[in-house]
Amino acid sequence: MNSDRTQAYGRVVRRLADVGASKLHTTEQAHIREAADTLLFAVALGDARTALEDLDALCERLVATGRWTEESAAGLAQDILACGPLAPVR
């Protein structure tokens, strides 16, 4: 874990506080927190594959239902991804 990952986690927490129940159901908020927690403590991105797949499905659903814009969902996804370890360069 490093400072960049910790700062990204803080952005996720702030985003959840900002949108709250007006834009996210309680279960959706829990899924987002779980994904951020999983990535923050993951050693490798492979360790967090299920959390990333769940996050992707949630973001797609939020956009498809018109509750979030694509930009908002992409920003959330980027912040959560930034909580995780860097993928190895090949």
PDB file of N, CA and C in Angstrom:
ATOM      1  N   MET A   1       0.857  -1.163   0.000  1.00  0.00           N
ATOM      2  CA  MET A   1       0.000   0.000   0.000  1.00  0.00           C
ATOM      3  C   MET A   1       0.903   1.225   0.000  1.00  0.00           C
ATOM      4  N   ASN A   2       0.446   2.274  -0.700  1.00  0.00           N
ATOM      5  CA  ASN A   2       1.234   3.501  -0.725  1.00  0.00           C
ATOM      6  C   ASN A   2       0.310   4.718  -0.652  1.00  0.00           C
ATOM      7  N   SER A   3       0.918   5.882  -0.671  1.00  0.00           N
ATOM      8  CA  SER A   3       0.170   7.128  -0.517  1.00  0.00           C
ATOM      9  C   SER A   3      -0.841   7.346  -1.645  1.00  0.00           C
ATOM     10  N   ASP A   4      -0.458   7.016  -2.874  1.00  0.00           N
ATOM     11  CA  ASP A   4      -1.380   7.200  -3.999  1.00  0.00           C
ATOM     12  C   ASP A   4      -2.637   6.348  -3.834  1.00  0.00           C
ATOM     13  N   ARG A   5      -2.445   5.114  -3.389  1.00  0.00           N
ATOM     14  CA  ARG A   5      -3.591   4.218  -3.187  1.00  0.00           C
ATOM     15  C   ARG A   5      -4.473   4.728  -2.053  1.00  0.00           C
ATOM     16  N   THR A   6      -3.852   5.213  -1.008  1.00  0.00           N
ATOM     17  CA  THR A   6      -4.610   5.745   0.133  1.00  0.00           C
ATOM     18  C   THR A   6      -5.398   6.982  -0.272  1.00  0.00           C
ATOM     19  N   GLN A   7      -4.794   7.847  -1.075  1.00  0.00           N
ATOM     20  CA  GLN A   7      -5.492   9.048  -1.546  1.00  0.00           C
ATOM     21  C   GLN A   7      -6.670   8.677  -2.448  1.00  0.00           C
ATOM     22  N   ALA A   8      -6.479   7.677  -3.294  1.00  0.00           N
ATOM     23  CA  ALA A   8      -7.571   7.214  -4.155  1.00  0.00           C
ATOM     24  C   ALA A   8      -8.725   6.687  -3.310  1.00  0.00           C
ATOM     25  N   TYR A   9      -8.402   5.955  -2.265  1.00  0.00           N
ATOM     26  CA  TYR A   9      -9.431   5.436  -1.357  1.00  0.00           C
ATOM     27  C   TYR A   9     -10.203   6.600  -0.728  1.00  0.00           C
ATOM     28  N   GLY A  10      -9.486   7.639  -0.349  1.00  0.00           N
ATOM     29  CA  GLY A  10     -10.136   8.830   0.211  1.00  0.00           C
ATOM     30  C   GLY A  10     -11.093   9.471  -0.788  1.00  0.00           C
ATOM     31  N   ARG A  11     -10.711   9.481  -2.070  1.00  0.00           N
ATOM     32  CA  ARG A  11     -11.606  10.042  -3.099  1.00  0.00           C
ATOM     33  C   ARG A  11     -12.886   9.219  -3.214  1.00  0.00           C
ATOM     34  N   VAL A  12     -12.756   7.900  -3.120  1.00  0.00           N
ATOM     35  CA  VAL A  12     -13.936   7.034  -3.192  1.00  0.00           C
ATOM     36  C   VAL A  12     -14.862   7.317  -2.010  1.00  0.00           C
ATOM     37  N   VAL A  13     -14.291   7.406  -0.831  1.00  0.00           N
ATOM     38  CA  VAL A  13     -15.087   7.670   0.371  1.00  0.00           C
ATOM     39  C   VAL A  13     -15.787   9.033   0.260  1.00  0.00           C
ATOM     40  N   ARG A  14     -15.067  10.034  -0.211  1.00  0.00           N
ATOM     41  CA  ARG A  14     -15.678  11.370  -0.379  1.00  0.00           C
ATOM     42  C   ARG A  14     -16.789  11.341  -1.419  1.00  0.00           C
ATOM     43  N   ARG A  15     -16.564  10.615  -2.502  1.00  0.00           N
ATOM     44  CA  ARG A  15     -17.591  10.521  -3.549  1.00  0.00           C
ATOM     45  C   ARG A  15     -18.850   9.879  -2.982  1.00  0.00           C
ATOM     46  N   LEU A  16     -18.692   8.819  -2.199  1.00  0.00           N
ATOM     47  CA  LEU A  16     -19.852   8.168  -1.587  1.00  0.00           C
ATOM     48  C   LEU A  16     -20.582   9.126  -0.654  1.00  0.00           C
ATOM     49  N   ALA A  17     -19.835   9.899   0.099  1.00  0.00           N
ATOM     50  CA  ALA A  17     -20.459  10.867   1.012  1.00  0.00           C
ATOM     51  C   ALA A  17     -21.185  11.952   0.222  1.00  0.00           C
ATOM     52  N   ASP A  18     -20.610  12.369  -0.894  1.00  0.00           N
ATOM     53  CA  ASP A  18     -21.217  13.437  -1.702  1.00  0.00           C
ATOM     54  C   ASP A  18     -22.514  13.000  -2.370  1.00  0.00           C
ATOM     55  N   VAL A  19     -22.535  11.775  -2.925  1.00  0.00           N
ATOM     56  CA  VAL A  19     -23.739  11.341  -3.636  1.00  0.00           C
ATOM     57  C   VAL A  19     -24.745  10.697  -2.703  1.00  0.00           C
ATOM     58  N   GLY A  20     -24.254   9.991  -1.704  1.00  0.00           N
ATOM     59  CA  GLY A  20     -25.131   9.410  -0.684  1.00  0.00           C
ATOM     60  C   GLY A  20     -26.307   8.648  -1.233  1.00  0.00           C
ATOM     61  N   ALA A  21     -27.349   8.607  -0.451  1.00  0.00           N
ATOM     62  CA  ALA A  21     -28.549   7.831  -0.769  1.00  0.00           C
ATOM     63  C   ALA A  21     -29.358   8.447  -1.909  1.00  0.00           C
ATOM     64  N   SER A  22     -29.065   9.686  -2.263  1.00  0.00           N
ATOM     65  CA  SER A  22     -29.820  10.305  -3.348  1.00  0.00           C
ATOM     66  C   SER A  22     -29.495   9.693  -4.706  1.00  0.00           C
ATOM     67  N   LYS A  23     -28.299   9.144  -4.856  1.00  0.00           N
ATOM     68  CA  LYS A  23     -27.910   8.573  -6.145  1.00  0.00           C
ATOM     69  C   LYS A  23     -27.501   7.102  -6.081  1.00  0.00           C
ATOM     70  N   LEU A  24     -27.320   6.587  -4.878  1.00  0.00           N
ATOM     71  CA  LEU A  24     -26.911   5.193  -4.719  1.00  0.00           C
ATOM     72  C   LEU A  24     -27.712   4.514  -3.617  1.00  0.00           C
ATOM     73  N   HIS A  25     -28.197   3.326  -3.910  1.00  0.00           N
ATOM     74  CA  HIS A  25     -28.869   2.536  -2.882  1.00  0.00           C
ATOM     75  C   HIS A  25     -27.833   2.054  -1.873  1.00  0.00           C
ATOM     76  N   THR A  26     -28.291   1.681  -0.703  1.00  0.00           N
ATOM     77  CA  THR A  26     -27.398   1.216   0.353  1.00  0.00           C
ATOM     78  C   THR A  26     -26.549   0.037  -0.111  1.00  0.00           C
ATOM     79  N   THR A  27     -27.149  -0.901  -0.821  1.00  0.00           N
ATOM     80  CA  THR A  27     -26.391  -2.065  -1.304  1.00  0.00           C
ATOM     81  C   THR A  27     -25.342  -1.651  -2.332  1.00  0.00           C
ATOM     82  N   GLU A  28     -25.649  -0.667  -3.157  1.00  0.00           N
ATOM     83  CA  GLU A  28     -24.678  -0.185  -4.140  1.00  0.00           C
ATOM     84  C   GLU A  28     -23.496   0.485  -3.443  1.00  0.00           C
ATOM     85  N   GLN A  29     -23.792   1.273  -2.416  1.00  0.00           N
ATOM     86  CA  GLN A  29     -22.719   1.904  -1.650  1.00  0.00           C
ATOM     87  C   GLN A  29     -21.821   0.836  -1.024  1.00  0.00           C
ATOM     88  N   ALA A  30     -22.433  -0.219  -0.501  1.00  0.00           N
ATOM     89  CA  ALA A  30     -21.665  -1.297   0.120  1.00  0.00           C
ATOM     90  C   ALA A  30     -20.776  -1.999  -0.906  1.00  0.00           C
ATOM     91  N   HIS A  31     -21.284  -2.213  -2.120  1.00  0.00           N
ATOM     92  CA  HIS A  31     -20.482  -2.852  -3.168  1.00  0.00           C
ATOM     93  C   HIS A  31     -19.288  -1.984  -3.533  1.00  0.00           C
ATOM     94  N   ILE A  32     -19.499  -0.694  -3.599  1.00  0.00           N
ATOM     95  CA  ILE A  32     -18.411   0.226  -3.938  1.00  0.00           C
ATOM     96  C   ILE A  32     -17.354   0.215  -2.841  1.00  0.00           C
ATOM     97  N   ARG A  33     -17.791   0.285  -1.596  1.00  0.00           N
ATOM     98  CA  ARG A  33     -16.836   0.230  -0.474  1.00  0.00           C
ATOM     99  C   ARG A  33     -16.061  -1.080  -0.474  1.00  0.00           C
ATOM    100  N   GLU A  34     -16.767  -2.166  -0.726  1.00  0.00           N
ATOM    101  CA  GLU A  34     -16.120  -3.475  -0.746  1.00  0.00           C
ATOM    102  C   GLU A  34     -15.069  -3.561  -1.864  1.00  0.00           C
ATOM    103  N   ALA A  35     -15.405  -3.035  -3.031  1.00  0.00           N
ATOM    104  CA  ALA A  35     -14.445  -3.044  -4.139  1.00  0.00           C
ATOM    105  C   ALA A  35     -13.214  -2.212  -3.795  1.00  0.00           C
ATOM    106  N   ALA A  36     -13.431  -1.029  -3.229  1.00  0.00           N
ATOM    107  CA  ALA A  36     -12.304  -0.169  -2.850  1.00  0.00           C
ATOM    108  C   ALA A  36     -11.457  -0.829  -1.768  1.00  0.00           C
ATOM    109  N   ASP A  37     -12.095  -1.427  -0.776  1.00  0.00           N
ATOM    110  CA  ASP A  37     -11.361  -2.130   0.293  1.00  0.00           C
ATOM    111  C   ASP A  37     -10.540  -3.287  -0.280  1.00  0.00           C
ATOM    112  N   THR A  38     -11.175  -4.063  -1.138  1.00  0.00           N
ATOM    113  CA  THR A  38     -10.504  -5.218  -1.723  1.00  0.00           C
ATOM    114  C   THR A  38      -9.272  -4.786  -2.508  1.00  0.00           C
ATOM    115  N   LEU A  39      -9.423  -3.749  -3.326  1.00  0.00           N
ATOM    116  CA  LEU A  39      -8.290  -3.283  -4.120  1.00  0.00           C
ATOM    117  C   LEU A  39      -7.208  -2.657  -3.252  1.00  0.00           C
ATOM    118  N   LEU A  40      -7.611  -1.932  -2.240  1.00  0.00           N
ATOM    119  CA  LEU A  40      -6.633  -1.279  -1.373  1.00  0.00           C
ATOM    120  C   LEU A  40      -5.715  -2.304  -0.717  1.00  0.00           C
ATOM    121  N   PHE A  41      -6.267  -3.424  -0.313  1.00  0.00           N
ATOM    122  CA  PHE A  41      -5.482  -4.427   0.399  1.00  0.00           C
ATOM    123  C   PHE A  41      -4.971  -5.553  -0.492  1.00  0.00           C
ATOM    124  N   ALA A  42      -5.278  -5.502  -1.783  1.00  0.00           N
ATOM    125  CA  ALA A  42      -4.825  -6.544  -2.707  1.00  0.00           C
ATOM    126  C   ALA A  42      -3.329  -6.405  -2.985  1.00  0.00           C
ATOM    127  N   VAL A  43      -2.691  -7.527  -3.151  1.00  0.00           N
ATOM    128  CA  VAL A  43      -1.273  -7.538  -3.500  1.00  0.00           C
ATOM    129  C   VAL A  43      -1.119  -7.471  -5.023  1.00  0.00           C
ATOM    130  N   ALA A  44      -2.038  -8.104  -5.732  1.00  0.00           N
ATOM    131  CA  ALA A  44      -2.017  -8.104  -7.190  1.00  0.00           C
ATOM    132  C   ALA A  44      -3.436  -7.904  -7.695  1.00  0.00           C
ATOM    133  N   LEU A  45      -3.548  -7.332  -8.892  1.00  0.00           N
ATOM    134  CA  LEU A  45      -4.884  -7.084  -9.441  1.00  0.00           C
ATOM    135  C   LEU A  45      -5.693  -8.371  -9.587  1.00  0.00           C
ATOM    136  N   GLY A  46      -5.030  -9.477  -9.847  1.00  0.00           N
ATOM    137  CA  GLY A  46      -5.734 -10.754  -9.946  1.00  0.00           C
ATOM    138  C   GLY A  46      -6.480 -11.101  -8.675  1.00  0.00           C
ATOM    139  N   ASP A  47      -5.975 -10.636  -7.539  1.00  0.00           N
ATOM    140  CA  ASP A  47      -6.631 -10.879  -6.255  1.00  0.00           C
ATOM    141  C   ASP A  47      -7.985 -10.178  -6.169  1.00  0.00           C
ATOM    142  N   ALA A  48      -8.180  -9.183  -6.999  1.00  0.00           N
ATOM    143  CA  ALA A  48      -9.386  -8.367  -6.907  1.00  0.00           C
ATOM    144  C   ALA A  48     -10.298  -8.523  -8.128  1.00  0.00           C
ATOM    145  N   ARG A  49     -10.085  -9.562  -8.908  1.00  0.00           N
ATOM    146  CA  ARG A  49     -10.835  -9.733 -10.166  1.00  0.00           C
ATOM    147  C   ARG A  49     -12.353  -9.695  -9.964  1.00  0.00           C
ATOM    148  N   THR A  50     -12.871 -10.409  -8.987  1.00  0.00           N
ATOM    149  CA  THR A  50     -14.319 -10.450  -8.761  1.00  0.00           C
ATOM    150  C   THR A  50     -14.849  -9.066  -8.381  1.00  0.00           C
ATOM    151  N   ALA A  51     -14.122  -8.364  -7.526  1.00  0.00           N
ATOM    152  CA  ALA A  51     -14.553  -7.019  -7.127  1.00  0.00           C
ATOM    153  C   ALA A  51     -14.592  -6.096  -8.333  1.00  0.00           C
ATOM    154  N   LEU A  52     -13.614  -6.224  -9.233  1.00  0.00           N
ATOM    155  CA  LEU A  52     -13.585  -5.386 -10.435  1.00  0.00           C
ATOM    156  C   LEU A  52     -14.735  -5.723 -11.379  1.00  0.00           C
ATOM    157  N   GLU A  53     -15.039  -7.001 -11.506  1.00  0.00           N
ATOM    158  CA  GLU A  53     -16.161  -7.409 -12.358  1.00  0.00           C
ATOM    159  C   GLU A  53     -17.483  -6.892 -11.793  1.00  0.00           C
ATOM    160  N   ASP A  54     -17.665  -6.973 -10.477  1.00  0.00           N
ATOM    161  CA  ASP A  54     -18.879  -6.459  -9.835  1.00  0.00           C
ATOM    162  C   ASP A  54     -18.991  -4.949 -10.014  1.00  0.00           C
ATOM    163  N   LEU A  55     -17.872  -4.252  -9.863  1.00  0.00           N
ATOM    164  CA  LEU A  55     -17.855  -2.794 -10.029  1.00  0.00           C
ATOM    165  C   LEU A  55     -18.232  -2.419 -11.454  1.00  0.00           C
ATOM    166  N   ASP A  56     -17.689  -3.134 -12.431  1.00  0.00           N
ATOM    167  CA  ASP A  56     -17.993  -2.861 -13.827  1.00  0.00           C
ATOM    168  C   ASP A  56     -19.487  -3.028 -14.090  1.00  0.00           C
ATOM    169  N   ALA A  57     -20.068  -4.098 -13.572  1.00  0.00           N
ATOM    170  CA  ALA A  57     -21.502  -4.345 -13.759  1.00  0.00           C
ATOM    171  C   ALA A  57     -22.331  -3.239 -13.092  1.00  0.00           C
ATOM    172  N   LEU A  58     -21.924  -2.813 -11.904  1.00  0.00           N
ATOM    173  CA  LEU A  58     -22.642  -1.749 -11.203  1.00  0.00           C
ATOM    174  C   LEU A  58     -22.581  -0.449 -11.995  1.00  0.00           C
ATOM    175  N   CYS A  59     -21.407  -0.083 -12.482  1.00  0.00           N
ATOM    176  CA  CYS A  59     -21.268   1.161 -13.255  1.00  0.00           C
ATOM    177  C   CYS A  59     -22.110   1.108 -14.524  1.00  0.00           C
ATOM    178  N   GLU A  60     -22.094  -0.038 -15.200  1.00  0.00           N
ATOM    179  CA  GLU A  60     -22.919  -0.184 -16.407  1.00  0.00           C
ATOM    180  C   GLU A  60     -24.400  -0.021 -16.079  1.00  0.00           C
ATOM    181  N   ARG A  61     -24.828  -0.609 -14.969  1.00  0.00           N
ATOM    182  CA  ARG A  61     -26.245  -0.518 -14.566  1.00  0.00           C
ATOM    183  C   ARG A  61     -26.621   0.925 -14.221  1.00  0.00           C
ATOM    184  N   LEU A  62     -25.737   1.636 -13.524  1.00  0.00           N
ATOM    185  CA  LEU A  62     -26.025   3.021 -13.155  1.00  0.00           C
ATOM    186  C   LEU A  62     -26.191   3.896 -14.399  1.00  0.00           C
ATOM    187  N   VAL A  63     -25.357   3.660 -15.398  1.00  0.00           N
ATOM    188  CA  VAL A  63     -25.442   4.436 -16.639  1.00  0.00           C
ATOM    189  C   VAL A  63     -26.662   4.020 -17.450  1.00  0.00           C
ATOM    190  N   ALA A  64     -26.889   2.709 -17.575  1.00  0.00           N
ATOM    191  CA  ALA A  64     -28.008   2.197 -18.378  1.00  0.00           C
ATOM    192  C   ALA A  64     -29.356   2.670 -17.856  1.00  0.00           C
ATOM    193  N   THR A  65     -29.472   2.831 -16.544  1.00  0.00           N
ATOM    194  CA  THR A  65     -30.743   3.274 -15.965  1.00  0.00           C
ATOM    195  C   THR A  65     -30.866   4.789 -15.937  1.00  0.00           C
ATOM    196  N   GLY A  66     -29.817   5.476 -16.370  1.00  0.00           N
ATOM    197  CA  GLY A  66     -29.863   6.934 -16.418  1.00  0.00           C
ATOM    198  C   GLY A  66     -29.630   7.601 -15.070  1.00  0.00           C
ATOM    199  N   ARG A  67     -29.241   6.833 -14.084  1.00  0.00           N
ATOM    200  CA  ARG A  67     -29.019   7.408 -12.756  1.00  0.00           C
ATOM    201  C   ARG A  67     -27.686   8.138 -12.671  1.00  0.00           C
ATOM    202  N   TRP A  68     -26.713   7.698 -13.461  1.00  0.00           N
ATOM    203  CA  TRP A  68     -25.394   8.334 -13.500  1.00  0.00           C
ATOM    204  C   TRP A  68     -25.016   8.584 -14.945  1.00  0.00           C
ATOM    205  N   THR A  69     -24.186   9.578 -15.165  1.00  0.00           N
ATOM    206  CA  THR A  69     -23.635   9.795 -16.499  1.00  0.00           C
ATOM    207  C   THR A  69     -22.453   8.855 -16.692  1.00  0.00           C
ATOM    208  N   GLU A  70     -22.077   8.660 -17.930  1.00  0.00           N
ATOM    209  CA  GLU A  70     -20.904   7.831 -18.213  1.00  0.00           C
ATOM    210  C   GLU A  70     -19.655   8.427 -17.564  1.00  0.00           C
ATOM    211  N   GLU A  71     -19.562   9.748 -17.564  1.00  0.00           N
ATOM    212  CA  GLU A  71     -18.399  10.415 -16.979  1.00  0.00           C
ATOM    213  C   GLU A  71     -18.306  10.172 -15.474  1.00  0.00           C
ATOM    214  N   SER A  72     -19.438  10.245 -14.791  1.00  0.00           N
ATOM    215  CA  SER A  72     -19.445  10.006 -13.351  1.00  0.00           C
ATOM    216  C   SER A  72     -19.067   8.570 -13.022  1.00  0.00           C
ATOM    217  N   ALA A  73     -19.631   7.627 -13.773  1.00  0.00           N
ATOM    218  CA  ALA A  73     -19.323   6.212 -13.542  1.00  0.00           C
ATOM    219  C   ALA A  73     -17.852   5.930 -13.853  1.00  0.00           C
ATOM    220  N   ALA A  74     -17.340   6.524 -14.918  1.00  0.00           N
ATOM    221  CA  ALA A  74     -15.926   6.321 -15.268  1.00  0.00           C
ATOM    222  C   ALA A  74     -15.013   6.917 -14.198  1.00  0.00           C
ATOM    223  N   GLY A  75     -15.382   8.063 -13.657  1.00  0.00           N
ATOM    224  CA  GLY A  75     -14.590   8.672 -12.587  1.00  0.00           C
ATOM    225  C   GLY A  75     -14.553   7.800 -11.347  1.00  0.00           C
ATOM    226  N   LEU A  76     -15.694   7.241 -10.999  1.00  0.00           N
ATOM    227  CA  LEU A  76     -15.752   6.333  -9.854  1.00  0.00           C
ATOM    228  C   LEU A  76     -14.866   5.119 -10.104  1.00  0.00           C
ATOM    229  N   ALA A  77     -14.994   4.527 -11.287  1.00  0.00           N
ATOM    230  CA  ALA A  77     -14.201   3.344 -11.624  1.00  0.00           C
ATOM    231  C   ALA A  77     -12.706   3.660 -11.580  1.00  0.00           C
ATOM    232  N   GLN A  78     -12.316   4.813 -12.089  1.00  0.00           N
ATOM    233  CA  GLN A  78     -10.902   5.194 -12.070  1.00  0.00           C
ATOM    234  C   GLN A  78     -10.392   5.350 -10.649  1.00  0.00           C
ATOM    235  N   ASP A  79     -11.189   5.983  -9.797  1.00  0.00           N
ATOM    236  CA  ASP A  79     -10.768   6.148  -8.405  1.00  0.00           C
ATOM    237  C   ASP A  79     -10.623   4.791  -7.709  1.00  0.00           C
ATOM    238  N   ILE A  80     -11.551   3.887  -7.976  1.00  0.00           N
ATOM    239  CA  ILE A  80     -11.461   2.569  -7.344  1.00  0.00           C
ATOM    240  C   ILE A  80     -10.266   1.795  -7.893  1.00  0.00           C
ATOM    241  N   LEU A  81     -10.051   1.847  -9.191  1.00  0.00           N
ATOM    242  CA  LEU A  81      -8.882   1.178  -9.762  1.00  0.00           C
ATOM    243  C   LEU A  81      -7.589   1.721  -9.175  1.00  0.00           C
ATOM    244  N   ALA A  82      -7.558   3.020  -8.907  1.00  0.00           N
ATOM    245  CA  ALA A  82      -6.357   3.638  -8.338  1.00  0.00           C
ATOM    246  C   ALA A  82      -6.086   3.175  -6.915  1.00  0.00           C
ATOM    247  N   CYS A  83      -7.065   2.554  -6.270  1.00  0.00           N
ATOM    248  CA  CYS A  83      -6.855   1.988  -4.930  1.00  0.00           C
ATOM    249  C   CYS A  83      -6.012   0.732  -4.996  1.00  0.00           C
ATOM    250  N   GLY A  84      -5.949   0.110  -6.166  1.00  0.00           N
ATOM    251  CA  GLY A  84      -5.294  -1.181  -6.293  1.00  0.00           C
ATOM    252  C   GLY A  84      -3.826  -1.103  -6.654  1.00  0.00           C
ATOM    253  N   PRO A  85      -3.202  -2.263  -6.623  1.00  0.00           N
ATOM    254  CA  PRO A  85      -1.791  -2.344  -7.003  1.00  0.00           C
ATOM    255  C   PRO A  85      -1.634  -2.132  -8.497  1.00  0.00           C
ATOM    256  N   LEU A  86      -0.487  -1.655  -8.878  1.00  0.00           N
ATOM    257  CA  LEU A  86      -0.227  -1.454 -10.305  1.00  0.00           C
ATOM    258  C   LEU A  86      -0.043  -2.799 -10.980  1.00  0.00           C
ATOM    259  N   ALA A  87      -0.568  -2.897 -12.193  1.00  0.00           N
ATOM    260  CA  ALA A  87      -0.371  -4.118 -12.964  1.00  0.00           C
ATOM    261  C   ALA A  87       1.073  -4.149 -13.470  1.00  0.00           C
ATOM    262  N   PRO A  88       1.674  -5.311 -13.553  1.00  0.00           N
ATOM    263  CA  PRO A  88       3.054  -5.382 -14.045  1.00  0.00           C
ATOM    264  C   PRO A  88       3.144  -4.950 -15.496  1.00  0.00           C
ATOM    265  N   VAL A  89       4.224  -4.287 -15.836  1.00  0.00           N
ATOM    266  CA  VAL A  89       4.459  -3.849 -17.215  1.00  0.00           C
ATOM    267  C   VAL A  89       5.076  -5.005 -17.969  1.00  0.00           C
ATOM    268  N   ARG A  90       4.519  -5.301 -19.156  1.00  0.00           N
ATOM    269  CA  ARG A  90       5.039  -6.412 -19.969  1.00  0.00           C
ATOM    270  C   ARG A  90       5.607  -5.893 -21.240  1.00  0.00           C
TER     271      ARG A  90
END
